């Protein structure tokens, strides 16, 4: 039925989350990444 564990995990995720929830998750990941890397960048700039 499923060839790999990765296929199974993708199938399970599609059943439990809606497209709106997945989109919100990726937007949140993007915001957190920007804040994290922005904070690191500003920290390095302050050390100079």
PDB file of N, CA and C in Angstrom:
ATOM      1  N   UNK A   1       0.831  -1.188   0.000  1.00  0.00           N
ATOM      2  CA  UNK A   1       0.000   0.000   0.000  1.00  0.00           C
ATOM      3  C   UNK A   1       0.876   1.253   0.000  1.00  0.00           C
ATOM      4  N   UNK A   2       1.802   1.380   0.966  1.00  0.00           N
ATOM      5  CA  UNK A   2       2.731   2.499   1.006  1.00  0.00           C
ATOM      6  C   UNK A   2       4.131   1.960   0.793  1.00  0.00           C
ATOM      7  N   UNK A   3       4.888   2.623  -0.086  1.00  0.00           N
ATOM      8  CA  UNK A   3       6.220   2.143  -0.402  1.00  0.00           C
ATOM      9  C   UNK A   3       7.240   2.516   0.668  1.00  0.00           C
ATOM     10  N   UNK A   4       7.112   3.698   1.232  1.00  0.00           N
ATOM     11  CA  UNK A   4       8.085   4.136   2.225  1.00  0.00           C
ATOM     12  C   UNK A   4       7.376   4.767   3.409  1.00  0.00           C
ATOM     13  N   UNK A   5       8.138   4.923   4.474  1.00  0.00           N
ATOM     14  CA  UNK A   5       7.612   5.589   5.657  1.00  0.00           C
ATOM     15  C   UNK A   5       7.270   7.041   5.341  1.00  0.00           C
ATOM     16  N   UNK A   6       8.068   7.680   4.477  1.00  0.00           N
ATOM     17  CA  UNK A   6       7.810   9.069   4.087  1.00  0.00           C
ATOM     18  C   UNK A   6       6.448   9.196   3.410  1.00  0.00           C
ATOM     19  N   UNK A   7       6.119   8.261   2.534  1.00  0.00           N
ATOM     20  CA  UNK A   7       4.802   8.275   1.878  1.00  0.00           C
ATOM     21  C   UNK A   7       3.688   8.147   2.904  1.00  0.00           C
ATOM     22  N   UNK A   8       3.892   7.285   3.876  1.00  0.00           N
ATOM     23  CA  UNK A   8       2.886   7.065   4.915  1.00  0.00           C
ATOM     24  C   UNK A   8       2.687   8.336   5.755  1.00  0.00           C
ATOM     25  N   UNK A   9       3.796   8.992   6.098  1.00  0.00           N
ATOM     26  CA  UNK A   9       3.696  10.204   6.907  1.00  0.00           C
ATOM     27  C   UNK A   9       2.987  11.319   6.142  1.00  0.00           C
ATOM     28  N   UNK A  10       3.272  11.457   4.848  1.00  0.00           N
ATOM     29  CA  UNK A  10       2.589  12.464   4.034  1.00  0.00           C
ATOM     30  C   UNK A  10       1.095  12.169   3.961  1.00  0.00           C
ATOM     31  N   UNK A  11       0.750  10.908   3.805  1.00  0.00           N
ATOM     32  CA  UNK A  11      -0.657  10.511   3.726  1.00  0.00           C
ATOM     33  C   UNK A  11      -1.372  10.804   5.034  1.00  0.00           C
ATOM     34  N   UNK A  12      -0.735  10.486   6.165  1.00  0.00           N
ATOM     35  CA  UNK A  12      -1.343  10.745   7.464  1.00  0.00           C
ATOM     36  C   UNK A  12      -1.524  12.236   7.701  1.00  0.00           C
ATOM     37  N   UNK A  13      -0.546  13.062   7.296  1.00  0.00           N
ATOM     38  CA  UNK A  13      -0.643  14.505   7.503  1.00  0.00           C
ATOM     39  C   UNK A  13      -1.774  15.098   6.676  1.00  0.00           C
ATOM     40  N   UNK A  14      -1.970  14.609   5.473  1.00  0.00           N
ATOM     41  CA  UNK A  14      -3.037  15.127   4.623  1.00  0.00           C
ATOM     42  C   UNK A  14      -4.410  14.806   5.198  1.00  0.00           C
ATOM     43  N   UNK A  15      -4.521  13.689   5.894  1.00  0.00           N
ATOM     44  CA  UNK A  15      -5.810  13.320   6.467  1.00  0.00           C
ATOM     45  C   UNK A  15      -6.156  14.167   7.693  1.00  0.00           C
ATOM     46  N   UNK A  16      -5.138  14.600   8.447  1.00  0.00           N
ATOM     47  CA  UNK A  16      -5.411  15.265   9.721  1.00  0.00           C
ATOM     48  C   UNK A  16      -5.395  16.780   9.641  1.00  0.00           C
ATOM     49  N   UNK A  17      -4.815  17.375   8.602  1.00  0.00           N
ATOM     50  CA  UNK A  17      -4.749  18.832   8.527  1.00  0.00           C
ATOM     51  C   UNK A  17      -5.418  19.331   7.253  1.00  0.00           C
ATOM     52  N   UNK A  18      -5.975  20.514   7.360  1.00  0.00           N
ATOM     53  CA  UNK A  18      -6.575  21.147   6.183  1.00  0.00           C
ATOM     54  C   UNK A  18      -5.509  21.979   5.480  1.00  0.00           C
ATOM     55  N   UNK A  19      -5.796  22.404   4.276  1.00  0.00           N
ATOM     56  CA  UNK A  19      -4.834  23.223   3.542  1.00  0.00           C
ATOM     57  C   UNK A  19      -4.617  24.561   4.247  1.00  0.00           C
ATOM     58  N   UNK A  20      -5.646  25.092   4.900  1.00  0.00           N
ATOM     59  CA  UNK A  20      -5.504  26.343   5.643  1.00  0.00           C
ATOM     60  C   UNK A  20      -4.537  26.176   6.811  1.00  0.00           C
ATOM     61  N   UNK A  21      -4.622  25.043   7.515  1.00  0.00           N
ATOM     62  CA  UNK A  21      -3.712  24.792   8.634  1.00  0.00           C
ATOM     63  C   UNK A  21      -2.274  24.638   8.154  1.00  0.00           C
ATOM     64  N   UNK A  22      -2.074  23.950   7.019  1.00  0.00           N
ATOM     65  CA  UNK A  22      -0.721  23.790   6.470  1.00  0.00           C
ATOM     66  C   UNK A  22      -0.151  25.131   6.041  1.00  0.00           C
ATOM     67  N   UNK A  23      -0.964  25.974   5.408  1.00  0.00           N
ATOM     68  CA  UNK A  23      -0.511  27.288   4.977  1.00  0.00           C
ATOM     69  C   UNK A  23      -0.144  28.136   6.191  1.00  0.00           C
ATOM     70  N   UNK A  24      -0.955  28.109   7.236  1.00  0.00           N
ATOM     71  CA  UNK A  24      -0.687  28.856   8.451  1.00  0.00           C
ATOM     72  C   UNK A  24       0.601  28.380   9.112  1.00  0.00           C
ATOM     73  N   UNK A  25       0.827  27.073   9.093  1.00  0.00           N
ATOM     74  CA  UNK A  25       2.057  26.513   9.667  1.00  0.00           C
ATOM     75  C   UNK A  25       3.275  27.050   8.929  1.00  0.00           C
ATOM     76  N   UNK A  26       3.255  27.077   7.599  1.00  0.00           N
ATOM     77  CA  UNK A  26       4.408  27.544   6.829  1.00  0.00           C
ATOM     78  C   UNK A  26       4.616  29.042   6.964  1.00  0.00           C
ATOM     79  N   UNK A  27       3.532  29.809   7.096  1.00  0.00           N
ATOM     80  CA  UNK A  27       3.667  31.243   7.348  1.00  0.00           C
ATOM     81  C   UNK A  27       4.325  31.473   8.707  1.00  0.00           C
ATOM     82  N   UNK A  28       3.905  30.709   9.698  1.00  0.00           N
ATOM     83  CA  UNK A  28       4.493  30.823  11.031  1.00  0.00           C
ATOM     84  C   UNK A  28       5.971  30.432  11.012  1.00  0.00           C
ATOM     85  N   UNK A  29       6.315  29.381  10.296  1.00  0.00           N
ATOM     86  CA  UNK A  29       7.716  28.973  10.164  1.00  0.00           C
ATOM     87  C   UNK A  29       8.530  30.093   9.521  1.00  0.00           C
ATOM     88  N   UNK A  30       7.984  30.727   8.493  1.00  0.00           N
ATOM     89  CA  UNK A  30       8.670  31.834   7.835  1.00  0.00           C
ATOM     90  C   UNK A  30       8.893  33.011   8.771  1.00  0.00           C
ATOM     91  N   UNK A  31       7.881  33.368   9.536  1.00  0.00           N
ATOM     92  CA  UNK A  31       8.002  34.486  10.471  1.00  0.00           C
ATOM     93  C   UNK A  31       9.038  34.188  11.544  1.00  0.00           C
ATOM     94  N   UNK A  32       8.997  32.986  12.109  1.00  0.00           N
ATOM     95  CA  UNK A  32       9.962  32.605  13.132  1.00  0.00           C
ATOM     96  C   UNK A  32      11.382  32.615  12.563  1.00  0.00           C
ATOM     97  N   UNK A  33      11.540  32.141  11.334  1.00  0.00           N
ATOM     98  CA  UNK A  33      12.860  32.139  10.702  1.00  0.00           C
ATOM     99  C   UNK A  33      13.386  33.559  10.505  1.00  0.00           C
ATOM    100  N   UNK A  34      12.534  34.442  10.045  1.00  0.00           N
ATOM    101  CA  UNK A  34      12.945  35.827   9.844  1.00  0.00           C
ATOM    102  C   UNK A  34      13.341  36.472  11.167  1.00  0.00           C
ATOM    103  N   UNK A  35      12.562  36.243  12.208  1.00  0.00           N
ATOM    104  CA  UNK A  35      12.881  36.812  13.521  1.00  0.00           C
ATOM    105  C   UNK A  35      14.188  36.222  14.047  1.00  0.00           C
ATOM    106  N   UNK A  36      14.367  34.921  13.924  1.00  0.00           N
ATOM    107  CA  UNK A  36      15.575  34.267  14.423  1.00  0.00           C
ATOM    108  C   UNK A  36      16.814  34.765  13.692  1.00  0.00           C
ATOM    109  N   UNK A  37      16.803  34.718  12.369  1.00  0.00           N
ATOM    110  CA  UNK A  37      17.974  35.138  11.614  1.00  0.00           C
ATOM    111  C   UNK A  37      18.177  36.654  11.692  1.00  0.00           C
ATOM    112  N   UNK A  38      17.105  37.405  11.775  1.00  0.00           N
ATOM    113  CA  UNK A  38      17.229  38.850  11.970  1.00  0.00           C
ATOM    114  C   UNK A  38      17.873  39.169  13.307  1.00  0.00           C
ATOM    115  N   UNK A  39      17.487  38.431  14.344  1.00  0.00           N
ATOM    116  CA  UNK A  39      18.093  38.622  15.663  1.00  0.00           C
ATOM    117  C   UNK A  39      19.571  38.262  15.660  1.00  0.00           C
ATOM    118  N   UNK A  40      19.915  37.169  14.991  1.00  0.00           N
ATOM    119  CA  UNK A  40      21.326  36.790  14.883  1.00  0.00           C
ATOM    120  C   UNK A  40      22.119  37.844  14.116  1.00  0.00           C
ATOM    121  N   UNK A  41      21.567  38.333  13.043  1.00  0.00           N
ATOM    122  CA  UNK A  41      22.233  39.365  12.243  1.00  0.00           C
ATOM    123  C   UNK A  41      22.454  40.632  13.060  1.00  0.00           C
ATOM    124  N   UNK A  42      21.426  41.069  13.761  1.00  0.00           N
ATOM    125  CA  UNK A  42      21.553  42.276  14.580  1.00  0.00           C
ATOM    126  C   UNK A  42      22.556  42.074  15.706  1.00  0.00           C
ATOM    127  N   UNK A  43      22.572  40.878  16.297  1.00  0.00           N
ATOM    128  CA  UNK A  43      23.546  40.578  17.338  1.00  0.00           C
ATOM    129  C   UNK A  43      24.974  40.660  16.837  1.00  0.00           C
ATOM    130  N   UNK A  44      25.228  40.147  15.653  1.00  0.00           N
ATOM    131  CA  UNK A  44      26.566  40.217  15.061  1.00  0.00           C
ATOM    132  C   UNK A  44      26.921  41.655  14.746  1.00  0.00           C
ATOM    133  N   UNK A  45      25.956  42.406  14.211  1.00  0.00           N
ATOM    134  CA  UNK A  45      26.218  43.813  13.889  1.00  0.00           C
ATOM    135  C   UNK A  45      26.548  44.625  15.143  1.00  0.00           C
ATOM    136  N   UNK A  46      25.904  44.315  16.273  1.00  0.00           N
ATOM    137  CA  UNK A  46      26.179  45.039  17.503  1.00  0.00           C
ATOM    138  C   UNK A  46      27.554  44.708  18.069  1.00  0.00           C
ATOM    139  N   UNK A  47      28.060  43.517  17.778  1.00  0.00           N
ATOM    140  CA  UNK A  47      29.382  43.127  18.269  1.00  0.00           C
ATOM    141  C   UNK A  47      30.508  43.820  17.506  1.00  0.00           C
ATOM    142  N   UNK A  48      30.240  44.272  16.312  1.00  0.00           N
ATOM    143  CA  UNK A  48      31.283  44.898  15.492  1.00  0.00           C
ATOM    144  C   UNK A  48      31.645  46.293  15.968  1.00  0.00           C
TER     145      UNK A  48
END
